PDB file of N, CA and C in Angstrom:
ATOM      1  N   UNK A   1      15.955  40.777 -74.793  1.00  0.00           N
ATOM      2  CA  UNK A   1      16.637  40.553 -73.526  1.00  0.00           C
ATOM      3  C   UNK A   1      17.983  41.262 -73.596  1.00  0.00           C
ATOM      4  N   UNK A   2      18.280  41.990 -72.572  1.00  0.00           N
ATOM      5  CA  UNK A   2      19.504  42.792 -72.574  1.00  0.00           C
ATOM      6  C   UNK A   2      20.718  41.936 -72.191  1.00  0.00           C
ATOM      7  N   UNK A   3      21.908  42.389 -72.578  1.00  0.00           N
ATOM      8  CA  UNK A   3      23.130  41.677 -72.175  1.00  0.00           C
ATOM      9  C   UNK A   3      23.280  41.614 -70.654  1.00  0.00           C
ATOM     10  N   UNK A   4      22.820  42.639 -69.956  1.00  0.00           N
ATOM     11  CA  UNK A   4      22.904  42.681 -68.499  1.00  0.00           C
ATOM     12  C   UNK A   4      22.062  41.561 -67.889  1.00  0.00           C
ATOM     13  N   UNK A   5      20.875  41.338 -68.436  1.00  0.00           N
ATOM     14  CA  UNK A   5      20.011  40.253 -67.961  1.00  0.00           C
ATOM     15  C   UNK A   5      20.670  38.900 -68.198  1.00  0.00           C
ATOM     16  N   UNK A   6      21.239  38.729 -69.360  1.00  0.00           N
ATOM     17  CA  UNK A   6      21.918  37.463 -69.678  1.00  0.00           C
ATOM     18  C   UNK A   6      23.094  37.238 -68.731  1.00  0.00           C
ATOM     19  N   UNK A   7      23.848  38.288 -68.445  1.00  0.00           N
ATOM     20  CA  UNK A   7      24.978  38.172 -67.524  1.00  0.00           C
ATOM     21  C   UNK A   7      24.507  37.674 -66.157  1.00  0.00           C
ATOM     22  N   UNK A   8      23.447  38.291 -65.623  1.00  0.00           N
ATOM     23  CA  UNK A   8      22.978  37.900 -64.292  1.00  0.00           C
ATOM     24  C   UNK A   8      22.386  36.505 -64.278  1.00  0.00           C
ATOM     25  N   UNK A   9      21.773  36.103 -65.382  1.00  0.00           N
ATOM     26  CA  UNK A   9      21.261  34.730 -65.465  1.00  0.00           C
ATOM     27  C   UNK A   9      22.419  33.750 -65.397  1.00  0.00           C
ATOM     28  N   UNK A  10      23.494  34.055 -66.099  1.00  0.00           N
ATOM     29  CA  UNK A  10      24.651  33.153 -66.092  1.00  0.00           C
ATOM     30  C   UNK A  10      25.384  33.165 -64.750  1.00  0.00           C
ATOM     31  N   UNK A  11      25.199  34.206 -63.941  1.00  0.00           N
ATOM     32  CA  UNK A  11      25.848  34.288 -62.633  1.00  0.00           C
ATOM     33  C   UNK A  11      25.021  33.660 -61.511  1.00  0.00           C
ATOM     34  N   UNK A  12      23.828  33.174 -61.810  1.00  0.00           N
ATOM     35  CA  UNK A  12      22.953  32.651 -60.759  1.00  0.00           C
ATOM     36  C   UNK A  12      23.573  31.476 -59.999  1.00  0.00           C
ATOM     37  N   UNK A  13      24.300  30.611 -60.707  1.00  0.00           N
ATOM     38  CA  UNK A  13      24.936  29.480 -60.013  1.00  0.00           C
ATOM     39  C   UNK A  13      25.988  29.961 -59.012  1.00  0.00           C
ATOM     40  N   UNK A  14      26.776  30.959 -59.402  1.00  0.00           N
ATOM     41  CA  UNK A  14      27.794  31.497 -58.492  1.00  0.00           C
ATOM     42  C   UNK A  14      27.147  32.184 -57.290  1.00  0.00           C
ATOM     43  N   UNK A  15      26.072  32.911 -57.527  1.00  0.00           N
ATOM     44  CA  UNK A  15      25.362  33.570 -56.430  1.00  0.00           C
ATOM     45  C   UNK A  15      24.784  32.533 -55.480  1.00  0.00           C
ATOM     46  N   UNK A  16      24.243  31.463 -56.041  1.00  0.00           N
ATOM     47  CA  UNK A  16      23.675  30.389 -55.218  1.00  0.00           C
ATOM     48  C   UNK A  16      24.755  29.756 -54.339  1.00  0.00           C
ATOM     49  N   UNK A  17      25.916  29.496 -54.919  1.00  0.00           N
ATOM     50  CA  UNK A  17      27.018  28.905 -54.145  1.00  0.00           C
ATOM     51  C   UNK A  17      27.496  29.859 -53.049  1.00  0.00           C
ATOM     52  N   UNK A  18      27.571  31.147 -53.358  1.00  0.00           N
ATOM     53  CA  UNK A  18      27.993  32.124 -52.353  1.00  0.00           C
ATOM     54  C   UNK A  18      26.998  32.172 -51.194  1.00  0.00           C
ATOM     55  N   UNK A  19      25.712  32.118 -51.500  1.00  0.00           N
ATOM     56  CA  UNK A  19      24.702  32.105 -50.444  1.00  0.00           C
ATOM     57  C   UNK A  19      24.806  30.852 -49.586  1.00  0.00           C
ATOM     58  N   UNK A  20      25.118  29.719 -50.211  1.00  0.00           N
ATOM     59  CA  UNK A  20      25.306  28.488 -49.436  1.00  0.00           C
ATOM     60  C   UNK A  20      26.504  28.596 -48.494  1.00  0.00           C
ATOM     61  N   UNK A  21      27.575  29.200 -48.974  1.00  0.00           N
ATOM     62  CA  UNK A  21      28.761  29.365 -48.133  1.00  0.00           C
ATOM     63  C   UNK A  21      28.463  30.299 -46.970  1.00  0.00           C
ATOM     64  N   UNK A  22      27.809  31.427 -47.244  1.00  0.00           N
ATOM     65  CA  UNK A  22      27.439  32.363 -46.183  1.00  0.00           C
ATOM     66  C   UNK A  22      26.520  31.687 -45.174  1.00  0.00           C
ATOM     67  N   UNK A  23      25.586  30.915 -45.665  1.00  0.00           N
ATOM     68  CA  UNK A  23      24.652  30.216 -44.786  1.00  0.00           C
ATOM     69  C   UNK A  23      25.377  29.203 -43.902  1.00  0.00           C
ATOM     70  N   UNK A  24      26.304  28.470 -44.481  1.00  0.00           N
ATOM     71  CA  UNK A  24      27.057  27.473 -43.714  1.00  0.00           C
ATOM     72  C   UNK A  24      27.923  28.128 -42.643  1.00  0.00           C
ATOM     73  N   UNK A  25      28.629  29.180 -43.019  1.00  0.00           N
ATOM     74  CA  UNK A  25      29.480  29.872 -42.049  1.00  0.00           C
ATOM     75  C   UNK A  25      28.641  30.491 -40.937  1.00  0.00           C
ATOM     76  N   UNK A  26      27.502  31.084 -41.315  1.00  0.00           N
ATOM     77  CA  UNK A  26      26.681  31.724 -40.281  1.00  0.00           C
ATOM     78  C   UNK A  26      26.069  30.709 -39.329  1.00  0.00           C
ATOM     79  N   UNK A  27      25.726  29.523 -39.808  1.00  0.00           N
ATOM     80  CA  UNK A  27      25.185  28.519 -38.882  1.00  0.00           C
ATOM     81  C   UNK A  27      26.270  28.044 -37.920  1.00  0.00           C
ATOM     82  N   UNK A  28      27.511  27.987 -38.382  1.00  0.00           N
ATOM     83  CA  UNK A  28      28.601  27.624 -37.474  1.00  0.00           C
ATOM     84  C   UNK A  28      28.790  28.707 -36.407  1.00  0.00           C
ATOM     85  N   UNK A  29      28.707  29.971 -36.816  1.00  0.00           N
ATOM     86  CA  UNK A  29      28.838  31.071 -35.855  1.00  0.00           C
ATOM     87  C   UNK A  29      27.674  31.061 -34.872  1.00  0.00           C
ATOM     88  N   UNK A  30      26.474  30.769 -35.340  1.00  0.00           N
ATOM     89  CA  UNK A  30      25.309  30.701 -34.460  1.00  0.00           C
ATOM     90  C   UNK A  30      25.503  29.627 -33.399  1.00  0.00           C
ATOM     91  N   UNK A  31      25.994  28.479 -33.807  1.00  0.00           N
ATOM     92  CA  UNK A  31      26.201  27.382 -32.852  1.00  0.00           C
ATOM     93  C   UNK A  31      27.263  27.760 -31.820  1.00  0.00           C
ATOM     94  N   UNK A  32      28.382  28.308 -32.276  1.00  0.00           N
ATOM     95  CA  UNK A  32      29.467  28.653 -31.361  1.00  0.00           C
ATOM     96  C   UNK A  32      29.058  29.781 -30.410  1.00  0.00           C
ATOM     97  N   UNK A  33      28.465  30.845 -30.952  1.00  0.00           N
ATOM     98  CA  UNK A  33      28.072  31.960 -30.081  1.00  0.00           C
ATOM     99  C   UNK A  33      26.937  31.553 -29.136  1.00  0.00           C
ATOM    100  N   UNK A  34      26.053  30.700 -29.609  1.00  0.00           N
ATOM    101  CA  UNK A  34      24.982  30.228 -28.726  1.00  0.00           C
ATOM    102  C   UNK A  34      25.524  29.405 -27.575  1.00  0.00           C
ATOM    103  N   UNK A  35      26.471  28.536 -27.882  1.00  0.00           N
ATOM    104  CA  UNK A  35      27.059  27.692 -26.830  1.00  0.00           C
ATOM    105  C   UNK A  35      27.861  28.527 -25.832  1.00  0.00           C
ATOM    106  N   UNK A  36      28.733  29.393 -26.341  1.00  0.00           N
ATOM    107  CA  UNK A  36      29.532  30.210 -25.429  1.00  0.00           C
ATOM    108  C   UNK A  36      28.675  31.218 -24.667  1.00  0.00           C
ATOM    109  N   UNK A  37      27.674  31.799 -25.337  1.00  0.00           N
ATOM    110  CA  UNK A  37      26.787  32.740 -24.660  1.00  0.00           C
ATOM    111  C   UNK A  37      26.019  32.079 -23.530  1.00  0.00           C
ATOM    112  N   UNK A  38      25.537  30.870 -23.770  1.00  0.00           N
ATOM    113  CA  UNK A  38      24.833  30.144 -22.712  1.00  0.00           C
ATOM    114  C   UNK A  38      25.786  29.792 -21.576  1.00  0.00           C
ATOM    115  N   UNK A  39      27.000  29.385 -21.912  1.00  0.00           N
ATOM    116  CA  UNK A  39      27.987  29.017 -20.900  1.00  0.00           C
ATOM    117  C   UNK A  39      28.345  30.216 -20.023  1.00  0.00           C
ATOM    118  N   UNK A  40      28.627  31.358 -20.647  1.00  0.00           N
ATOM    119  CA  UNK A  40      29.021  32.536 -19.869  1.00  0.00           C
ATOM    120  C   UNK A  40      27.858  33.115 -19.068  1.00  0.00           C
ATOM    121  N   UNK A  41      26.646  33.054 -19.596  1.00  0.00           N
ATOM    122  CA  UNK A  41      25.514  33.635 -18.866  1.00  0.00           C
ATOM    123  C   UNK A  41      25.129  32.755 -17.677  1.00  0.00           C
ATOM    124  N   UNK A  42      25.336  31.446 -17.779  1.00  0.00           N
ATOM    125  CA  UNK A  42      25.017  30.547 -16.666  1.00  0.00           C
ATOM    126  C   UNK A  42      26.061  30.678 -15.560  1.00  0.00           C
ATOM    127  N   UNK A  43      27.339  30.780 -15.951  1.00  0.00           N
ATOM    128  CA  UNK A  43      28.415  30.836 -14.961  1.00  0.00           C
ATOM    129  C   UNK A  43      28.400  32.128 -14.148  1.00  0.00           C
ATOM    130  N   UNK A  44      28.291  33.256 -14.839  1.00  0.00           N
ATOM    131  CA  UNK A  44      28.489  34.500 -14.105  1.00  0.00           C
ATOM    132  C   UNK A  44      27.380  35.525 -14.351  1.00  0.00           C
ATOM    133  N   UNK A  45      26.230  35.078 -14.723  1.00  0.00           N
ATOM    134  CA  UNK A  45      25.163  36.025 -15.006  1.00  0.00           C
ATOM    135  C   UNK A  45      25.422  36.719 -16.336  1.00  0.00           C
ATOM    136  N   UNK A  46      24.606  37.696 -16.675  1.00  0.00           N
ATOM    137  CA  UNK A  46      24.754  38.408 -17.946  1.00  0.00           C
ATOM    138  C   UNK A  46      25.909  39.400 -17.852  1.00  0.00           C
ATOM    139  N   UNK A  47      27.058  38.995 -18.349  1.00  0.00           N
ATOM    140  CA  UNK A  47      28.216  39.884 -18.384  1.00  0.00           C
ATOM    141  C   UNK A  47      28.236  40.619 -19.722  1.00  0.00           C
ATOM    142  N   UNK A  48      29.192  41.517 -19.852  1.00  0.00           N
ATOM    143  CA  UNK A  48      29.322  42.249 -21.114  1.00  0.00           C
ATOM    144  C   UNK A  48      29.624  41.298 -22.264  1.00  0.00           C
ATOM    145  N   UNK A  49      30.441  40.290 -22.007  1.00  0.00           N
ATOM    146  CA  UNK A  49      30.787  39.329 -23.048  1.00  0.00           C
ATOM    147  C   UNK A  49      29.564  38.534 -23.488  1.00  0.00           C
ATOM    148  N   UNK A  50      28.756  38.111 -22.552  1.00  0.00           N
ATOM    149  CA  UNK A  50      27.572  37.346 -22.942  1.00  0.00           C
ATOM    150  C   UNK A  50      26.562  38.219 -23.683  1.00  0.00           C
ATOM    151  N   UNK A  51      26.504  39.515 -23.369  1.00  0.00           N
ATOM    152  CA  UNK A  51      25.624  40.428 -24.104  1.00  0.00           C
ATOM    153  C   UNK A  51      26.116  40.600 -25.540  1.00  0.00           C
ATOM    154  N   UNK A  52      27.411  40.722 -25.698  1.00  0.00           N
ATOM    155  CA  UNK A  52      27.989  40.837 -27.042  1.00  0.00           C
ATOM    156  C   UNK A  52      27.736  39.558 -27.833  1.00  0.00           C
ATOM    157  N   UNK A  53      27.923  38.418 -27.185  1.00  0.00           N
ATOM    158  CA  UNK A  53      27.677  37.149 -27.862  1.00  0.00           C
ATOM    159  C   UNK A  53      26.208  36.994 -28.240  1.00  0.00           C
ATOM    160  N   UNK A  54      25.314  37.474 -27.403  1.00  0.00           N
ATOM    161  CA  UNK A  54      23.885  37.400 -27.708  1.00  0.00           C
ATOM    162  C   UNK A  54      23.549  38.278 -28.912  1.00  0.00           C
ATOM    163  N   UNK A  55      24.132  39.490 -28.980  1.00  0.00           N
ATOM    164  CA  UNK A  55      23.916  40.350 -30.147  1.00  0.00           C
ATOM    165  C   UNK A  55      24.446  39.695 -31.411  1.00  0.00           C
ATOM    166  N   UNK A  56      25.652  39.135 -31.318  1.00  0.00           N
ATOM    167  CA  UNK A  56      26.251  38.447 -32.465  1.00  0.00           C
ATOM    168  C   UNK A  56      25.404  37.256 -32.876  1.00  0.00           C
ATOM    169  N   UNK A  57      24.899  36.531 -31.909  1.00  0.00           N
ATOM    170  CA  UNK A  57      24.039  35.375 -32.166  1.00  0.00           C
ATOM    171  C   UNK A  57      22.795  35.805 -32.945  1.00  0.00           C
ATOM    172  N   UNK A  58      22.139  36.862 -32.502  1.00  0.00           N
ATOM    173  CA  UNK A  58      20.912  37.323 -33.157  1.00  0.00           C
ATOM    174  C   UNK A  58      21.183  37.814 -34.576  1.00  0.00           C
ATOM    175  N   UNK A  59      22.236  38.595 -34.733  1.00  0.00           N
ATOM    176  CA  UNK A  59      22.557  39.130 -36.061  1.00  0.00           C
ATOM    177  C   UNK A  59      22.958  38.018 -37.024  1.00  0.00           C
ATOM    178  N   UNK A  60      23.730  37.085 -36.537  1.00  0.00           N
ATOM    179  CA  UNK A  60      24.153  35.979 -37.395  1.00  0.00           C
ATOM    180  C   UNK A  60      22.977  35.073 -37.735  1.00  0.00           C
ATOM    181  N   UNK A  61      22.066  34.908 -36.828  1.00  0.00           N
ATOM    182  CA  UNK A  61      20.871  34.120 -37.105  1.00  0.00           C
ATOM    183  C   UNK A  61      20.043  34.772 -38.208  1.00  0.00           C
ATOM    184  N   UNK A  62      19.950  36.086 -38.196  1.00  0.00           N
ATOM    185  CA  UNK A  62      19.232  36.795 -39.263  1.00  0.00           C
ATOM    186  C   UNK A  62      19.935  36.606 -40.604  1.00  0.00           C
ATOM    187  N   UNK A  63      21.254  36.714 -40.603  1.00  0.00           N
ATOM    188  CA  UNK A  63      22.028  36.493 -41.838  1.00  0.00           C
ATOM    189  C   UNK A  63      21.814  35.075 -42.343  1.00  0.00           C
ATOM    190  N   UNK A  64      21.813  34.110 -41.427  1.00  0.00           N
ATOM    191  CA  UNK A  64      21.593  32.720 -41.814  1.00  0.00           C
ATOM    192  C   UNK A  64      20.224  32.528 -42.455  1.00  0.00           C
ATOM    193  N   UNK A  65      19.204  33.103 -41.875  1.00  0.00           N
ATOM    194  CA  UNK A  65      17.844  32.945 -42.414  1.00  0.00           C
ATOM    195  C   UNK A  65      17.744  33.575 -43.805  1.00  0.00           C
ATOM    196  N   UNK A  66      18.279  34.772 -43.962  1.00  0.00           N
ATOM    197  CA  UNK A  66      18.209  35.442 -45.269  1.00  0.00           C
ATOM    198  C   UNK A  66      19.008  34.670 -46.317  1.00  0.00           C
ATOM    199  N   UNK A  67      20.230  34.280 -45.985  1.00  0.00           N
ATOM    200  CA  UNK A  67      21.065  33.535 -46.939  1.00  0.00           C
ATOM    201  C   UNK A  67      20.463  32.169 -47.231  1.00  0.00           C
ATOM    202  N   UNK A  68      19.896  31.537 -46.219  1.00  0.00           N
ATOM    203  CA  UNK A  68      19.270  30.229 -46.427  1.00  0.00           C
ATOM    204  C   UNK A  68      18.083  30.305 -47.368  1.00  0.00           C
ATOM    205  N   UNK A  69      17.209  31.284 -47.130  1.00  0.00           N
ATOM    206  CA  UNK A  69      16.074  31.451 -48.028  1.00  0.00           C
ATOM    207  C   UNK A  69      16.528  31.823 -49.435  1.00  0.00           C
ATOM    208  N   UNK A  70      17.561  32.649 -49.527  1.00  0.00           N
ATOM    209  CA  UNK A  70      18.099  32.987 -50.846  1.00  0.00           C
ATOM    210  C   UNK A  70      18.635  31.771 -51.569  1.00  0.00           C
ATOM    211  N   UNK A  71      19.362  30.920 -50.858  1.00  0.00           N
ATOM    212  CA  UNK A  71      19.920  29.719 -51.473  1.00  0.00           C
ATOM    213  C   UNK A  71      18.824  28.735 -51.868  1.00  0.00           C
ATOM    214  N   UNK A  72      17.757  28.693 -51.093  1.00  0.00           N
ATOM    215  CA  UNK A  72      16.673  27.752 -51.393  1.00  0.00           C
ATOM    216  C   UNK A  72      15.832  28.230 -52.574  1.00  0.00           C
ATOM    217  N   UNK A  73      15.448  29.492 -52.576  1.00  0.00           N
ATOM    218  CA  UNK A  73      14.478  29.967 -53.553  1.00  0.00           C
ATOM    219  C   UNK A  73      15.072  30.646 -54.779  1.00  0.00           C
ATOM    220  N   UNK A  74      16.358  30.912 -54.804  1.00  0.00           N
ATOM    221  CA  UNK A  74      16.984  31.502 -55.979  1.00  0.00           C
ATOM    222  C   UNK A  74      17.141  30.421 -57.046  1.00  0.00           C
ATOM    223  N   UNK A  75      16.622  30.631 -58.245  1.00  0.00           N
ATOM    224  CA  UNK A  75      16.754  29.595 -59.273  1.00  0.00           C
ATOM    225  C   UNK A  75      18.186  29.515 -59.792  1.00  0.00           C
ATOM    226  N   UNK A  76      18.543  28.328 -60.280  1.00  0.00           N
ATOM    227  CA  UNK A  76      19.861  28.207 -60.888  1.00  0.00           C
ATOM    228  C   UNK A  76      19.792  28.646 -62.350  1.00  0.00           C
ATOM    229  N   UNK A  77      20.905  28.601 -63.043  1.00  0.00           N
ATOM    230  CA  UNK A  77      20.967  29.095 -64.417  1.00  0.00           C
ATOM    231  C   UNK A  77      20.046  28.313 -65.339  1.00  0.00           C
ATOM    232  N   UNK A  78      20.034  26.993 -65.223  1.00  0.00           N
ATOM    233  CA  UNK A  78      19.185  26.176 -66.093  1.00  0.00           C
ATOM    234  C   UNK A  78      17.712  26.488 -65.888  1.00  0.00           C
ATOM    235  N   UNK A  79      17.304  26.605 -64.645  1.00  0.00           N
ATOM    236  CA  UNK A  79      15.897  26.884 -64.349  1.00  0.00           C
ATOM    237  C   UNK A  79      15.489  28.237 -64.904  1.00  0.00           C
ATOM    238  N   UNK A  80      16.318  29.239 -64.713  1.00  0.00           N
ATOM    239  CA  UNK A  80      15.971  30.573 -65.193  1.00  0.00           C
ATOM    240  C   UNK A  80      15.931  30.626 -66.717  1.00  0.00           C
ATOM    241  N   UNK A  81      16.834  29.923 -67.376  1.00  0.00           N
ATOM    242  CA  UNK A  81      16.789  29.865 -68.839  1.00  0.00           C
ATOM    243  C   UNK A  81      15.497  29.206 -69.310  1.00  0.00           C
ATOM    244  N   UNK A  82      15.103  28.139 -68.643  1.00  0.00           N
ATOM    245  CA  UNK A  82      13.851  27.474 -69.002  1.00  0.00           C
ATOM    246  C   UNK A  82      12.655  28.385 -68.754  1.00  0.00           C
ATOM    247  N   UNK A  83      12.662  29.099 -67.642  1.00  0.00           N
ATOM    248  CA  UNK A  83      11.548  29.996 -67.308  1.00  0.00           C
ATOM    249  C   UNK A  83      11.408  31.091 -68.365  1.00  0.00           C
ATOM    250  N   UNK A  84      12.511  31.573 -68.898  1.00  0.00           N
ATOM    251  CA  UNK A  84      12.449  32.662 -69.865  1.00  0.00           C
ATOM    252  C   UNK A  84      12.238  32.189 -71.302  1.00  0.00           C
ATOM    253  N   UNK A  85      12.754  31.012 -71.668  1.00  0.00           N
ATOM    254  CA  UNK A  85      12.688  30.603 -73.070  1.00  0.00           C
ATOM    255  C   UNK A  85      11.476  29.741 -73.405  1.00  0.00           C
ATOM    256  N   UNK A  86      11.035  28.883 -72.522  1.00  0.00           N
ATOM    257  CA  UNK A  86       9.914  27.993 -72.847  1.00  0.00           C
ATOM    258  C   UNK A  86       8.646  28.776 -73.187  1.00  0.00           C
ATOM    259  N   UNK A  87       8.240  29.773 -72.392  1.00  0.00           N
ATOM    260  CA  UNK A  87       7.047  30.527 -72.797  1.00  0.00           C
ATOM    261  C   UNK A  87       7.215  31.239 -74.142  1.00  0.00           C
ATOM    262  N   UNK A  88       8.417  31.729 -74.424  1.00  0.00           N
ATOM    263  CA  UNK A  88       8.638  32.405 -75.707  1.00  0.00           C
ATOM    264  C   UNK A  88       8.493  31.428 -76.867  1.00  0.00           C
ATOM    265  N   UNK A  89       8.928  30.200 -76.682  1.00  0.00           N
ATOM    266  CA  UNK A  89       8.810  29.195 -77.737  1.00  0.00           C
ATOM    267  C   UNK A  89       7.370  28.711 -77.862  1.00  0.00           C
ATOM    268  N   UNK A  90       6.750  28.417 -76.747  1.00  0.00           N
ATOM    269  CA  UNK A  90       5.393  27.880 -76.766  1.00  0.00           C
ATOM    270  C   UNK A  90       4.389  28.907 -77.291  1.00  0.00           C
ATOM    271  N   UNK A  91       4.564  30.166 -76.969  1.00  0.00           N
ATOM    272  CA  UNK A  91       3.618  31.204 -77.375  1.00  0.00           C
ATOM    273  C   UNK A  91       3.933  31.820 -78.734  1.00  0.00           C
ATOM    274  N   UNK A  92       4.919  31.292 -79.433  1.00  0.00           N
ATOM    275  CA  UNK A  92       5.287  31.816 -80.734  1.00  0.00           C
ATOM    276  C   UNK A  92       4.302  31.292 -81.780  1.00  0.00           C
ATOM    277  N   UNK A  93       3.538  32.193 -82.395  1.00  0.00           N
ATOM    278  CA  UNK A  93       2.518  31.793 -83.354  1.00  0.00           C
ATOM    279  C   UNK A  93       3.122  31.200 -84.625  1.00  0.00           C
ATOM    280  N   UNK A  94       4.280  31.680 -85.036  1.00  0.00           N
ATOM    281  CA  UNK A  94       4.933  31.154 -86.237  1.00  0.00           C
ATOM    282  C   UNK A  94       5.281  29.680 -86.035  1.00  0.00           C
ATOM    283  N   UNK A  95       5.866  29.359 -84.888  1.00  0.00           N
ATOM    284  CA  UNK A  95       6.220  27.965 -84.622  1.00  0.00           C
ATOM    285  C   UNK A  95       4.985  27.088 -84.493  1.00  0.00           C
ATOM    286  N   UNK A  96       3.929  27.600 -83.888  1.00  0.00           N
ATOM    287  CA  UNK A  96       2.711  26.812 -83.741  1.00  0.00           C
ATOM    288  C   UNK A  96       2.088  26.520 -85.098  1.00  0.00           C
ATOM    289  N   UNK A  97       2.106  27.493 -86.018  1.00  0.00           N
ATOM    290  CA  UNK A  97       1.539  27.278 -87.357  1.00  0.00           C
ATOM    291  C   UNK A  97       2.392  26.351 -88.191  1.00  0.00           C
ATOM    292  N   UNK A  98       3.696  26.492 -88.088  1.00  0.00           N
ATOM    293  CA  UNK A  98       4.602  25.662 -88.884  1.00  0.00           C
ATOM    294  C   UNK A  98       4.741  24.250 -88.328  1.00  0.00           C
ATOM    295  N   UNK A  99       4.412  24.051 -87.082  1.00  0.00           N
ATOM    296  CA  UNK A  99       4.581  22.725 -86.482  1.00  0.00           C
ATOM    297  C   UNK A  99       3.737  21.686 -87.194  1.00  0.00           C
ATOM    298  N   UNK A 100       2.529  22.043 -87.593  1.00  0.00           N
ATOM    299  CA  UNK A 100       1.653  21.103 -88.300  1.00  0.00           C
ATOM    300  C   UNK A 100       2.255  20.754 -89.652  1.00  0.00           C
ATOM    301  N   UNK A 101       2.753  21.764 -90.370  1.00  0.00           N
ATOM    302  CA  UNK A 101       3.359  21.512 -91.681  1.00  0.00           C
ATOM    303  C   UNK A 101       4.620  20.666 -91.560  1.00  0.00           C
ATOM    304  N   UNK A 102       5.419  20.961 -90.547  1.00  0.00           N
ATOM    305  CA  UNK A 102       6.647  20.187 -90.338  1.00  0.00           C
ATOM    306  C   UNK A 102       6.311  18.739 -89.999  1.00  0.00           C
ATOM    307  N   UNK A 103       5.290  18.540 -89.201  1.00  0.00           N
ATOM    308  CA  UNK A 103       4.865  17.176 -88.854  1.00  0.00           C
ATOM    309  C   UNK A 103       4.416  16.430 -90.102  1.00  0.00           C
ATOM    310  N   UNK A 104       3.628  17.085 -90.956  1.00  0.00           N
ATOM    311  CA  UNK A 104       3.149  16.429 -92.179  1.00  0.00           C
ATOM    312  C   UNK A 104       4.310  16.068 -93.095  1.00  0.00           C
ATOM    313  N   UNK A 105       5.259  16.994 -93.254  1.00  0.00           N
ATOM    314  CA  UNK A 105       6.425  16.706 -94.092  1.00  0.00           C
ATOM    315  C   UNK A 105       7.234  15.540 -93.527  1.00  0.00           C
ATOM    316  N   UNK A 106       7.395  15.525 -92.215  1.00  0.00           N
ATOM    317  CA  UNK A 106       8.131  14.436 -91.581  1.00  0.00           C
ATOM    318  C   UNK A 106       7.442  13.092 -91.777  1.00  0.00           C
ATOM    319  N   UNK A 107       6.139  13.062 -91.624  1.00  0.00           N
ATOM    320  CA  UNK A 107       5.400  11.811 -91.809  1.00  0.00           C
ATOM    321  C   UNK A 107       5.466  11.341 -93.261  1.00  0.00           C
ATOM    322  N   UNK A 108       5.390  12.259 -94.214  1.00  0.00           N
ATOM    323  CA  UNK A 108       5.519  11.890 -95.627  1.00  0.00           C
ATOM    324  C   UNK A 108       6.888  11.277 -95.900  1.00  0.00           C
ATOM    325  N   UNK A 109       7.915  11.868 -95.331  1.00  0.00           N
ATOM    326  CA  UNK A 109       9.280  11.360 -95.539  1.00  0.00           C
ATOM    327  C   UNK A 109       9.449   9.981 -94.917  1.00  0.00           C
ATOM    328  N   UNK A 110       8.875   9.768 -93.740  1.00  0.00           N
ATOM    329  CA  UNK A 110       8.952   8.457 -93.096  1.00  0.00           C
ATOM    330  C   UNK A 110       8.241   7.412 -93.954  1.00  0.00           C
ATOM    331  N   UNK A 111       7.085   7.764 -94.492  1.00  0.00           N
ATOM    332  CA  UNK A 111       6.343   6.827 -95.347  1.00  0.00           C
ATOM    333  C   UNK A 111       7.127   6.507 -96.610  1.00  0.00           C
ATOM    334  N   UNK A 112       7.797   7.518 -97.197  1.00  0.00           N
ATOM    335  CA  UNK A 112       8.635   7.283 -98.372  1.00  0.00           C
ATOM    336  C   UNK A 112       9.763   6.319 -98.043  1.00  0.00           C
ATOM    337  N   UNK A 113      10.424   6.544 -96.920  1.00  0.00           N
ATOM    338  CA  UNK A 113      11.533   5.672 -96.539  1.00  0.00           C
ATOM    339  C   UNK A 113      11.059   4.258 -96.251  1.00  0.00           C
ATOM    340  N   UNK A 114       9.912   4.118 -95.605  1.00  0.00           N
ATOM    341  CA  UNK A 114       9.368   2.794 -95.324  1.00  0.00           C
ATOM    342  C   UNK A 114       8.981   2.090 -96.625  1.00  0.00           C
ATOM    343  N   UNK A 115       8.456   2.841 -97.589  1.00  0.00           N
ATOM    344  CA  UNK A 115       8.092   2.260 -98.888  1.00  0.00           C
ATOM    345  C   UNK A 115       9.313   1.776 -99.634  1.00  0.00           C
ATOM    346  N   UNK A 116      10.441   2.504 -99.554  1.00  0.00           N
ATOM    347  CA  UNK A 116      11.672   2.105-100.204  1.00  0.00           C
ATOM    348  C   UNK A 116      12.246   0.847 -99.560  1.00  0.00           C
ATOM    349  N   UNK A 117      12.176   0.758 -98.242  1.00  0.00           N
ATOM    350  CA  UNK A 117      12.702  -0.430 -97.554  1.00  0.00           C
ATOM    351  C   UNK A 117      11.882  -1.669 -97.893  1.00  0.00           C
ATOM    352  N   UNK A 118      10.577  -1.541 -98.017  1.00  0.00           N
ATOM    353  CA  UNK A 118       9.717  -2.676 -98.325  1.00  0.00           C
ATOM    354  C   UNK A 118       9.964  -3.176 -99.742  1.00  0.00           C
ATOM    355  N   UNK A 119      10.251  -2.266-100.683  1.00  0.00           N
ATOM    356  CA  UNK A 119      10.462  -2.669-102.069  1.00  0.00           C
ATOM    357  C   UNK A 119      11.836  -3.323-102.256  1.00  0.00           C
ATOM    358  N   UNK A 120      12.758  -3.052-101.378  1.00  0.00           N
ATOM    359  CA  UNK A 120      14.095  -3.643-101.511  1.00  0.00           C
ATOM    360  C   UNK A 120      14.063  -5.004-100.972  1.00  0.00           C
TER     361      UNK A 120
END
C-alpha cells in the first residue's frame, strides 16, 4: 500500500465532513431560491430574476444530490481500514496455519495454570 493511499484513507473523515457541509449549505440555497423563485414568478410572471433563480435552484439541487450521495456512500476512515486490512489478515496462510498451533499452546498453558491453582 502506497503512502498516497494511506494519506487519502486518513483524510476520508475530513472529506465526509466537507461533503456534509456542502450538502447542508446547498439545501438551504435550494429552499431559499425555490421560495423566492416561486414568489417572483407568481407575482409578475417569469421575469429575468425568476429565471436566474430557477437556474440557481437547478444547479444547487444537482450539487446537493451529488454531495448528499457522496456523504452517504463515502466510507469513513475506520470502515476503509477494516475493508483493506481484514481480508489481508483472514487470507494470510501463515496466520491460518499458526492459529491452530497458537490455540494449542494457549490451551496447554491454561491447563498448566489450572493444575497449579488446584494443587495450591
